[in-house]
Protein backbone atom coordinates (compact mmCIF):
# COMPACT_ATOMS: atom_id res chain seq x y z
CA MET A 1 0.00 0.00 0.00
CA ILE A 2 1.30 3.40 -0.94
CA ASP A 3 1.48 6.14 1.69
CA TYR A 4 0.02 9.27 0.16
CA THR A 5 1.18 11.66 2.88
CA VAL A 6 3.96 14.20 2.55
CA THR A 7 6.06 15.50 5.41
CA GLU A 8 7.40 19.00 4.87
CA HIS A 9 10.05 20.27 7.26
CA ASN A 10 10.98 23.96 7.25
CA ALA A 11 14.63 24.02 8.29
CA GLU A 12 14.53 27.70 9.19
CA THR A 13 11.49 27.65 11.47
CA GLY A 14 11.51 24.00 12.52
CA GLU A 15 7.86 23.76 11.49
CA VAL A 16 6.77 20.30 10.35
CA ILE A 17 3.67 19.86 8.21
CA ILE A 18 2.19 16.48 7.40
CA ARG A 19 -0.32 16.67 4.59
CA GLU A 20 -2.13 14.53 2.06
CA MET A 21 -0.60 14.49 -1.45
CA THR A 22 -2.27 16.47 -4.17
CA ASN A 23 -3.87 14.52 -7.03
CA GLU A 24 -0.87 15.39 -9.22
CA GLU A 25 1.56 14.08 -6.59
CA LYS A 26 -0.52 10.91 -6.18
CA ASN A 27 -0.55 10.31 -9.93
CA LEU A 28 3.20 10.80 -10.15
CA THR A 29 3.76 8.48 -7.19
CA ASP A 30 1.53 5.82 -8.76
CA LEU A 31 3.39 6.12 -12.08
CA ARG A 32 6.77 5.77 -10.37
CA HIS A 33 5.50 2.76 -8.43
CA GLN A 34 4.21 1.10 -11.61
CA ASN A 35 7.55 1.73 -13.35
CA TRP A 36 9.41 0.27 -10.38
CA LEU A 37 7.24 -2.86 -10.43
CA LYS A 38 7.80 -3.20 -14.20
CA GLU A 39 11.58 -2.95 -13.72
CA ILE A 40 11.44 -5.72 -11.11
CA GLU A 41 9.34 -7.88 -13.41
CA ASP A 42 11.70 -7.29 -16.35
CA THR A 43 14.74 -8.10 -14.22
CA GLN A 44 13.13 -11.35 -13.04
CA LYS A 45 12.27 -12.35 -16.63
CA ILE A 46 15.84 -11.73 -17.78
CA ALA A 47 17.20 -13.79 -14.89
CA GLU A 48 14.82 -16.64 -15.76
CA GLN A 49 15.85 -16.48 -19.42
CA LYS A 50 19.54 -16.58 -18.49
CA THR A 51 18.97 -19.55 -16.21
CA ALA A 52 17.04 -21.39 -18.94
CA LEU A 53 19.77 -20.70 -21.50
CA LEU A 54 22.54 -21.88 -19.18
CA LYS A 55 20.56 -25.03 -18.47
CA LYS A 56 19.99 -25.59 -22.19
CA LEU A 57 23.73 -25.16 -22.85
CA GLY A 58 24.58 -27.39 -19.92
CA ILE A 59 26.99 -24.90 -18.32
CA THR A 60 27.15 -22.99 -15.07
CA GLU A 61 27.03 -19.23 -14.68
CA GLU A 62 30.74 -19.24 -13.82
CA GLU A 63 31.54 -21.20 -16.99
CA ALA A 64 29.51 -18.74 -19.06
CA ARG A 65 31.45 -15.84 -17.55
CA LEU A 66 34.72 -17.55 -18.43
CA LEU A 67 33.57 -18.11 -22.01
CA LEU A 68 32.40 -14.52 -22.40
CA GLY A 69 35.40 -12.99 -20.64
CA GLY A 70 33.28 -11.46 -17.89
CA ASN A 71 34.10 -11.13 -14.22
């Protein structure tokens, strides 16, 4: 669940204001959250594809790194 509150701290006065996000802020937060979830999903798919390819080739991840010259 996304927290739609904003804490504003005025460094000069020490005043702290906790407020609800505006609709624009909520929309931006939702978009960023969706993009973050998509990145996670994409990363997981790539990892699964790499694992499947290594299995198909019958080599380990370390062996693949050696073949490709990676660290």
